[in-house]
Amino acid sequence: TKIIFGRNTIPAIGPETAAWGNKALLVYGSGSIKKNGIHAQVTAALNEAGVEITEHGGVRSNPLLSHVNEGVAKVKEQQLNVIVAVGGGSVLDSAKAISAGAVVEHDVWKFFIGKKTIRQVLPLTTVLTLAASGSEMNSGMVITNDATQEKFGFGNRLLFPKTSILDPEATYSVPPDYTAYGAVDAMSHVLEAYMTTQDPSTPVQDRFMEGLIRNAMDSCDRCLADPRDYQGRADLMWTATLALNGLAAAGLGRVGFPMHMIEHSLSALYNVPHGAGLSAVIPGWLRWQAGRDSRKIKQLGERIFDFKAKGIESSATATIKILENWFGRINSPIRLAELEIPPADIHAIAGNAVRLAKIWRLKEYSRETIEEILYLCR
């Protein structure tokens, strides 16, 4: 993916898209881009570059398969040849699913359940308006099947966007709650790799990941203090991109995404914002992990929370406590109870999650293990 980063970069979407096609499907969300002027900037740039536009708005948070299918139908009917996504991770992921679905006859969902593999896609360009998922520079997508209530992720190297435009000013209007959830999502991508690598010695990657986690926290604090802090928004945006573009996990071997696997069920069943679900799952998963192997959790705390300087005795518990306190400070939930998810539902949630655990080959996560972790998230 080619990245164009900085102020006043949005007009570049015209020529960048025209290089790949002249009939575009413009994918976006609930319409906030019409209020903040980004929609007008993008359409003007595309028109000027000679790109025809068919609109496909209405992507919601935790994007739906049914809406993806509507987009696929538009592309096929009107023989469109390029996709432009303007939004956050949900919009970009929907656009990726449409780009893959538009060139096949079968149902897009077959990619997500491992029945089909992607062999070609329509080219995709993006304008990012939320720092969170990293979808602007990675090959993954996550979609919710509204018929089966399953939220699954799938990755393929052909899904990398061709160009992504990152103007930090495009995130000024993101409200405090979604700014916080975005930072949690970015940080969690790094945390998953950091905690699940089987390689006992990865000092360079460890320091890189620790820096990204600390940066996600610090830049989020700046954005919440002043939503129009350009440097804060820029730092958070670039941190989120680096968190899941393959660089952080490079050389770590196989890493898992168990916290995401569990959270996907919360989003699928209760439609909670992904970042909010993650902050409710992370402390519980870390407590469970601390009972098995606490070294990495302790190391993280020592290196990014300055235990020595603060006179805190170094332990996994202290690390988890500081993380929880930070989630609380930025108003991101730290308990299932805060999401109004009752303990009585845990058995059903685990049943939903274990299906994804199988697809993602997270063999050690049985239904019972997932239930055990969820009880620690109450």
Protein backbone atom coordinates (compact mmCIF):
# COMPACT_ATOMS: atom_id res chain seq x y z
CA THR A 1 0.00 0.00 0.00
CA LYS A 2 1.18 3.48 -0.89
CA ILE A 3 0.61 5.91 2.00
CA ILE A 4 0.08 9.64 1.46
CA PHE A 5 0.25 11.25 4.91
CA GLY A 6 -0.33 14.78 6.14
CA ARG A 7 -2.43 17.92 5.89
CA ASN A 8 -4.37 18.70 2.71
CA THR A 9 -3.69 15.31 1.14
CA ILE A 10 -7.32 14.29 0.46
CA PRO A 11 -7.44 15.77 -3.11
CA ALA A 12 -4.81 13.18 -4.11
CA ILE A 13 -7.59 10.55 -4.03
CA GLY A 14 -8.57 11.72 -7.55
CA PRO A 15 -5.42 10.89 -9.50
CA GLU A 16 -4.60 7.91 -7.23
CA THR A 17 -7.97 6.33 -8.05
CA ALA A 18 -7.93 7.28 -11.74
CA ALA A 19 -4.71 5.28 -12.11
CA TRP A 20 -6.75 2.11 -11.39
CA GLY A 21 -10.17 2.74 -12.89
CA ASN A 22 -12.73 5.29 -14.09
CA LYS A 23 -16.00 3.97 -12.61
CA ALA A 24 -15.89 3.92 -8.81
CA LEU A 25 -18.08 2.61 -6.03
CA LEU A 26 -17.76 5.16 -3.21
CA VAL A 27 -18.21 3.34 0.11
CA TYR A 28 -18.82 5.29 3.32
CA GLY A 29 -20.64 5.16 6.65
CA SER A 30 -23.46 6.98 8.37
CA GLY A 31 -22.97 10.29 6.60
CA SER A 32 -20.68 12.15 8.99
CA ILE A 33 -18.34 12.75 6.02
CA LYS A 34 -21.11 14.88 4.48
CA LYS A 35 -21.27 17.05 7.60
CA ASN A 36 -17.50 17.60 7.93
CA GLY A 37 -16.85 18.36 4.27
CA ILE A 38 -14.77 15.27 3.46
CA HIS A 39 -17.43 13.84 1.11
CA ALA A 40 -17.38 17.06 -0.93
CA GLN A 41 -13.57 17.05 -1.10
CA VAL A 42 -13.45 13.42 -2.25
CA THR A 43 -16.18 13.70 -4.88
CA ALA A 44 -14.66 16.92 -6.26
CA ALA A 45 -11.25 15.24 -6.55
CA LEU A 46 -12.72 12.15 -8.26
CA ASN A 47 -14.80 14.24 -10.67
CA GLU A 48 -11.79 16.33 -11.58
CA ALA A 49 -9.79 13.18 -12.32
CA GLY A 50 -12.57 11.90 -14.60
CA VAL A 51 -13.79 9.15 -12.28
CA GLU A 52 -17.55 8.43 -12.34
CA ILE A 53 -19.07 7.79 -8.90
CA THR A 54 -21.76 5.40 -7.68
CA GLU A 55 -22.43 5.91 -3.98
CA HIS A 56 -22.77 3.18 -1.38
CA GLY A 57 -23.27 4.79 2.03
CA GLY A 58 -24.71 3.39 5.24
CA VAL A 59 -21.92 1.09 6.45
CA ARG A 60 -22.42 0.66 10.18
CA SER A 61 -19.93 -0.09 12.94
CA ASN A 62 -19.49 -3.92 12.91
CA PRO A 63 -20.28 -3.94 9.16
CA LEU A 64 -22.92 -6.32 7.84
CA LEU A 65 -22.68 -8.98 5.14
CA SER A 66 -26.10 -7.96 3.78
CA HIS A 67 -24.82 -4.43 3.11
CA VAL A 68 -21.66 -5.85 1.47
CA ASN A 69 -23.87 -7.93 -0.82
CA GLU A 70 -25.81 -4.80 -1.84
CA GLY A 71 -22.49 -3.19 -2.78
CA VAL A 72 -21.40 -6.23 -4.77
CA ALA A 73 -24.69 -6.10 -6.70
CA LYS A 74 -24.16 -2.40 -7.56
CA VAL A 75 -20.65 -3.09 -8.85
CA LYS A 76 -21.82 -5.97 -11.04
CA GLU A 77 -24.91 -4.17 -12.38
CA GLN A 78 -23.03 -1.01 -13.30
CA GLN A 79 -19.75 -2.71 -14.27
CA LEU A 80 -17.69 -0.56 -11.91
CA ASN A 81 -13.93 -1.11 -11.96
CA VAL A 82 -12.51 0.50 -8.81
CA ILE A 83 -13.58 0.91 -5.16
CA VAL A 84 -13.03 4.05 -3.06
CA ALA A 85 -13.54 3.77 0.72
CA VAL A 86 -13.88 6.89 2.88
CA GLY A 87 -14.16 6.14 6.58
CA GLY A 88 -12.77 3.98 9.37
CA GLY A 89 -12.12 0.25 9.62
CA SER A 90 -15.75 -0.79 9.15
CA VAL A 91 -15.99 1.12 5.88
CA LEU A 92 -12.60 -0.07 4.63
CA ASP A 93 -13.39 -3.69 5.53
CA SER A 94 -16.75 -3.52 3.74
CA ALA A 95 -14.99 -2.10 0.69
CA LYS A 96 -12.44 -4.94 0.77
CA ALA A 97 -15.23 -7.53 0.96
CA ILE A 98 -17.02 -5.85 -1.96
CA SER A 99 -13.78 -5.74 -3.99
CA ALA A 100 -13.38 -9.51 -3.51
CA GLY A 101 -17.05 -10.35 -3.96
CA ALA A 102 -17.50 -8.31 -7.14
CA VAL A 103 -15.30 -10.62 -9.21
CA VAL A 104 -16.79 -13.99 -8.15
CA GLU A 105 -20.17 -15.65 -8.58
CA HIS A 106 -20.35 -17.25 -5.12
CA ASP A 107 -21.31 -15.73 -1.76
CA VAL A 108 -18.61 -13.52 -0.17
CA TRP A 109 -19.10 -15.33 3.16
CA LYS A 110 -17.40 -18.43 1.71
CA PHE A 111 -14.07 -16.56 2.04
CA PHE A 112 -14.67 -16.03 5.77
CA ILE A 113 -15.49 -19.66 6.56
CA GLY A 114 -12.55 -21.03 4.59
CA LYS A 115 -14.59 -22.55 1.74
CA LYS A 116 -13.09 -20.32 -0.95
CA THR A 117 -9.87 -18.37 -1.42
CA ILE A 118 -9.43 -14.97 -3.06
CA ARG A 119 -7.74 -15.09 -6.47
CA GLN A 120 -8.43 -11.55 -7.68
CA VAL A 121 -10.04 -8.33 -6.45
CA LEU A 122 -11.03 -4.92 -7.78
CA PRO A 123 -8.46 -2.23 -6.88
CA LEU A 124 -9.21 -0.22 -3.73
CA THR A 125 -8.14 3.27 -2.67
CA THR A 126 -9.01 4.77 0.72
CA VAL A 127 -9.31 8.01 2.67
CA LEU A 128 -9.02 7.27 6.38
CA THR A 129 -11.20 9.13 8.89
CA LEU A 130 -10.59 7.09 12.07
CA ALA A 131 -7.36 5.90 13.69
CA ALA A 132 -8.05 2.36 14.87
CA SER A 133 -8.15 -0.79 12.77
CA GLY A 134 -5.07 -0.43 10.58
CA SER A 135 -7.18 -1.64 7.63
CA GLU A 136 -5.72 1.20 5.53
CA MET A 137 -2.42 -0.68 5.25
CA ASN A 138 -3.20 -4.34 5.81
CA SER A 139 -4.74 -7.30 4.05
CA GLY A 140 -7.44 -8.15 6.57
CA MET A 141 -11.16 -7.55 6.85
CA VAL A 142 -13.83 -8.34 9.44
CA ILE A 143 -17.52 -8.66 8.57
CA THR A 144 -20.61 -9.65 10.58
CA ASN A 145 -23.01 -12.16 9.02
CA ASP A 146 -26.36 -10.75 10.13
CA ALA A 147 -28.15 -14.00 9.29
CA THR A 148 -25.98 -16.22 11.50
CA GLN A 149 -24.76 -13.62 14.05
CA GLU A 150 -21.14 -14.51 13.33
CA LYS A 151 -18.40 -11.87 13.14
CA PHE A 152 -15.44 -13.38 11.31
CA GLY A 153 -12.16 -12.04 9.98
CA PHE A 154 -10.28 -13.04 6.85
CA GLY A 155 -7.00 -11.99 5.31
CA ASN A 156 -5.44 -12.29 1.87
CA ARG A 157 -2.47 -10.43 0.39
CA LEU A 158 -4.62 -9.18 -2.52
CA LEU A 159 -6.72 -7.13 -0.07
CA PHE A 160 -4.07 -4.47 0.58
CA PRO A 161 -5.43 -1.08 -0.60
CA LYS A 162 -3.48 0.36 -3.55
CA THR A 163 -3.24 3.82 -1.93
CA SER A 164 -4.42 5.13 1.43
CA ILE A 165 -4.63 8.82 2.26
CA LEU A 166 -4.06 9.70 5.91
CA ASP A 167 -4.85 13.32 6.77
CA PRO A 168 -4.91 13.64 10.58
CA GLU A 169 -7.27 16.62 10.26
CA ALA A 170 -9.88 14.20 8.87
CA THR A 171 -10.09 12.72 12.39
CA TYR A 172 -10.71 16.04 14.23
CA SER A 173 -14.45 15.44 14.30
CA VAL A 174 -14.22 11.91 15.76
CA PRO A 175 -16.04 12.06 19.14
CA PRO A 176 -14.19 11.25 22.39
CA ASP A 177 -15.69 7.76 22.80
CA TYR A 178 -14.68 6.58 19.32
CA THR A 179 -11.27 8.25 19.62
CA ALA A 180 -10.73 6.17 22.77
CA TYR A 181 -12.09 2.94 21.26
CA GLY A 182 -9.81 3.46 18.25
CA ALA A 183 -6.75 3.80 20.48
CA VAL A 184 -7.74 0.62 22.36
CA ASP A 185 -8.11 -1.25 19.05
CA ALA A 186 -4.71 -0.05 17.80
CA MET A 187 -3.00 -0.95 21.05
CA SER A 188 -4.70 -4.36 21.20
CA HIS A 189 -3.31 -5.34 17.79
CA VAL A 190 0.20 -4.91 19.15
CA LEU A 191 -0.64 -6.51 22.49
CA GLU A 192 -1.94 -9.66 20.77
CA ALA A 193 1.34 -10.17 18.88
CA TYR A 194 3.43 -9.22 21.93
CA MET A 195 1.68 -11.74 24.17
CA THR A 196 1.17 -14.68 21.80
CA THR A 197 4.50 -15.07 19.99
CA GLN A 198 6.10 -18.43 20.75
CA ASP A 199 9.60 -17.04 20.19
CA PRO A 200 11.25 -16.47 23.59
CA SER A 201 13.73 -13.88 22.34
CA THR A 202 12.50 -11.00 20.16
CA PRO A 203 14.16 -7.96 21.77
CA VAL A 204 13.96 -5.61 18.78
CA GLN A 205 10.29 -6.33 18.07
CA ASP A 206 9.49 -6.15 21.80
CA ARG A 207 10.86 -2.61 22.08
CA PHE A 208 9.09 -1.57 18.89
CA MET A 209 5.77 -2.94 20.15
CA GLU A 210 6.19 -1.42 23.61
CA GLY A 211 6.77 1.95 21.96
CA LEU A 212 3.60 1.59 19.88
CA ILE A 213 1.50 0.66 22.93
CA ARG A 214 2.83 3.61 24.92
CA ASN A 215 2.31 5.89 21.91
CA ALA A 216 -1.29 4.77 21.48
CA MET A 217 -1.95 5.70 25.11
CA ASP A 218 -0.11 9.03 25.08
CA SER A 219 -1.52 10.24 21.76
CA CYS A 220 -5.04 9.22 22.78
CA ASP A 221 -4.69 11.30 25.95
CA ARG A 222 -3.64 14.28 23.82
CA CYS A 223 -6.58 13.88 21.43
CA LEU A 224 -9.07 13.67 24.30
CA ALA A 225 -7.58 16.78 25.93
CA ASP A 226 -7.81 18.68 22.63
CA PRO A 227 -9.64 17.06 19.68
CA ARG A 228 -7.90 19.45 17.26
CA ASP A 229 -4.35 18.70 18.44
CA TYR A 230 -2.76 17.96 15.06
CA GLN A 231 0.30 16.23 16.49
CA GLY A 232 -1.79 14.04 18.79
CA ARG A 233 -4.11 13.03 15.95
CA ALA A 234 -1.16 12.40 13.61
CA ASP A 235 0.66 10.25 16.19
CA LEU A 236 -2.44 8.18 16.92
CA MET A 237 -3.16 7.73 13.21
CA TRP A 238 0.36 6.55 12.37
CA THR A 239 0.53 4.33 15.48
CA ALA A 240 -2.70 2.58 14.45
CA THR A 241 -1.34 2.01 10.93
CA LEU A 242 1.97 0.56 12.18
CA ALA A 243 0.19 -1.59 14.76
CA LEU A 244 -1.25 -3.98 12.18
CA ASN A 245 0.58 -3.52 8.87
CA GLY A 246 2.82 -6.54 9.49
CA LEU A 247 5.82 -4.61 10.81
CA ALA A 248 5.17 -5.12 14.53
CA ALA A 249 4.69 -8.88 14.17
CA ALA A 250 7.53 -9.34 11.64
CA GLY A 251 9.79 -12.23 12.62
CA LEU A 252 7.59 -13.32 15.54
CA GLY A 253 6.43 -16.49 13.82
CA ARG A 254 2.80 -17.46 14.30
CA VAL A 255 0.86 -15.08 16.54
CA GLY A 256 -2.75 -15.46 17.64
CA PHE A 257 -5.59 -13.02 18.18
CA PRO A 258 -7.44 -14.61 21.11
CA MET A 259 -8.71 -11.32 22.56
CA HIS A 260 -10.14 -10.37 19.17
CA MET A 261 -11.62 -13.84 18.77
CA ILE A 262 -13.57 -13.37 22.02
CA GLU A 263 -14.51 -9.74 21.34
CA HIS A 264 -15.87 -10.57 17.89
CA SER A 265 -18.64 -12.52 19.62
CA LEU A 266 -19.51 -9.53 21.81
CA SER A 267 -19.77 -7.30 18.73
CA ALA A 268 -21.71 -9.93 16.78
CA LEU A 269 -24.24 -10.66 19.53
CA TYR A 270 -24.63 -7.24 21.18
CA ASN A 271 -23.33 -4.82 18.51
CA VAL A 272 -20.93 -3.18 20.99
CA PRO A 273 -18.21 -0.97 19.45
CA HIS A 274 -15.15 -3.16 18.81
CA GLY A 275 -12.77 -1.06 20.95
CA ALA A 276 -15.25 -0.98 23.84
CA GLY A 277 -15.55 -4.76 23.71
CA LEU A 278 -11.77 -5.12 23.60
CA SER A 279 -11.15 -3.02 26.70
CA ALA A 280 -13.66 -5.23 28.53
CA VAL A 281 -11.86 -8.40 27.37
CA ILE A 282 -8.17 -7.38 27.62
CA PRO A 283 -7.84 -7.22 31.45
CA GLY A 284 -9.65 -10.55 31.90
CA TRP A 285 -7.56 -12.27 29.22
CA LEU A 286 -4.37 -10.85 30.80
CA ARG A 287 -5.43 -12.16 34.23
CA TRP A 288 -6.00 -15.58 32.68
CA GLN A 289 -2.64 -15.42 30.88
CA ALA A 290 -0.87 -14.27 34.07
CA GLY A 291 -1.91 -17.55 35.67
CA ARG A 292 -0.12 -19.44 32.88
CA ASP A 293 2.88 -17.22 32.11
CA SER A 294 3.21 -13.72 33.52
CA ARG A 295 6.69 -12.81 32.23
CA LYS A 296 5.65 -10.77 29.19
CA ILE A 297 2.93 -8.90 31.11
CA LYS A 298 5.45 -8.01 33.80
CA GLN A 299 8.06 -6.94 31.21
CA LEU A 300 5.51 -4.69 29.49
CA GLY A 301 4.71 -2.93 32.76
CA GLU A 302 8.35 -2.50 33.73
CA ARG A 303 9.23 -0.96 30.39
CA ILE A 304 6.30 1.31 29.61
CA PHE A 305 4.90 2.20 33.05
CA ASP A 306 8.14 3.01 34.83
CA PHE A 307 7.58 0.84 37.90
CA LYS A 308 11.02 1.57 39.36
CA ALA A 309 10.66 5.34 39.16
CA LYS A 310 7.21 5.16 40.72
CA GLY A 311 8.28 2.75 43.47
CA ILE A 312 5.73 0.15 42.32
CA GLU A 313 6.64 -3.49 42.89
CA SER A 314 6.92 -5.06 39.47
CA SER A 315 4.25 -7.67 38.74
CA ALA A 316 1.72 -8.74 36.14
CA THR A 317 -1.03 -7.57 38.51
CA ALA A 318 0.42 -4.06 38.64
CA THR A 319 0.59 -3.91 34.82
CA ILE A 320 -3.03 -5.01 34.45
CA LYS A 321 -4.16 -2.52 37.10
CA ILE A 322 -2.49 0.42 35.31
CA LEU A 323 -4.04 -0.63 31.99
CA GLU A 324 -7.48 -0.91 33.62
CA ASN A 325 -7.09 2.51 35.21
CA TRP A 326 -6.20 3.99 31.84
CA PHE A 327 -9.21 2.37 30.13
CA GLY A 328 -11.32 3.86 32.92
CA ARG A 329 -9.79 7.31 32.44
CA ILE A 330 -10.60 7.35 28.73
CA ASN A 331 -14.11 6.00 29.47
CA SER A 332 -13.68 2.65 27.76
CA PRO A 333 -15.45 -0.24 29.58
CA ILE A 334 -13.37 -2.69 31.64
CA ARG A 335 -16.14 -5.14 32.56
CA LEU A 336 -18.83 -7.03 30.66
CA ALA A 337 -21.25 -5.55 33.20
CA GLU A 338 -20.53 -2.07 31.83
CA LEU A 339 -21.66 -3.33 28.42
CA GLU A 340 -24.81 -4.69 30.11
CA ILE A 341 -23.83 -8.26 29.27
CA PRO A 342 -25.04 -10.56 32.09
CA PRO A 343 -22.96 -13.52 33.37
CA ALA A 344 -25.86 -15.78 32.34
CA ASP A 345 -24.92 -15.12 28.69
CA ILE A 346 -21.31 -16.28 29.04
CA HIS A 347 -22.02 -19.87 27.96
CA ALA A 348 -23.70 -18.69 24.74
CA ILE A 349 -20.96 -16.13 24.00
CA ALA A 350 -18.30 -18.84 24.36
CA GLY A 351 -20.27 -21.09 22.01
CA ASN A 352 -20.26 -18.32 19.41
CA ALA A 353 -16.55 -17.56 19.90
CA VAL A 354 -15.34 -21.16 19.69
CA ARG A 355 -16.48 -21.35 16.05
CA LEU A 356 -14.06 -18.56 15.16
CA ALA A 357 -11.34 -20.12 17.35
CA LYS A 358 -11.56 -23.23 15.13
CA ILE A 359 -11.36 -21.23 11.88
CA TRP A 360 -8.41 -19.21 13.22
CA ARG A 361 -6.79 -22.46 14.47
CA LEU A 362 -6.57 -21.28 18.10
CA LYS A 363 -6.52 -24.89 19.26
CA GLU A 364 -6.01 -24.19 22.97
CA TYR A 365 -9.24 -22.18 23.17
CA SER A 366 -12.02 -24.67 23.90
CA ARG A 367 -15.49 -23.48 24.86
CA GLU A 368 -14.60 -24.12 28.52
CA THR A 369 -11.39 -22.06 28.30
CA ILE A 370 -13.24 -19.17 26.66
CA GLU A 371 -15.89 -19.33 29.41
CA GLU A 372 -13.14 -19.24 32.03
CA ILE A 373 -11.68 -16.08 30.44
CA LEU A 374 -15.10 -14.45 30.12
CA TYR A 375 -15.77 -15.04 33.84
CA LEU A 376 -12.59 -13.04 34.51
CA CYS A 377 -14.06 -10.23 32.38
CA ARG A 378 -17.28 -9.86 34.37
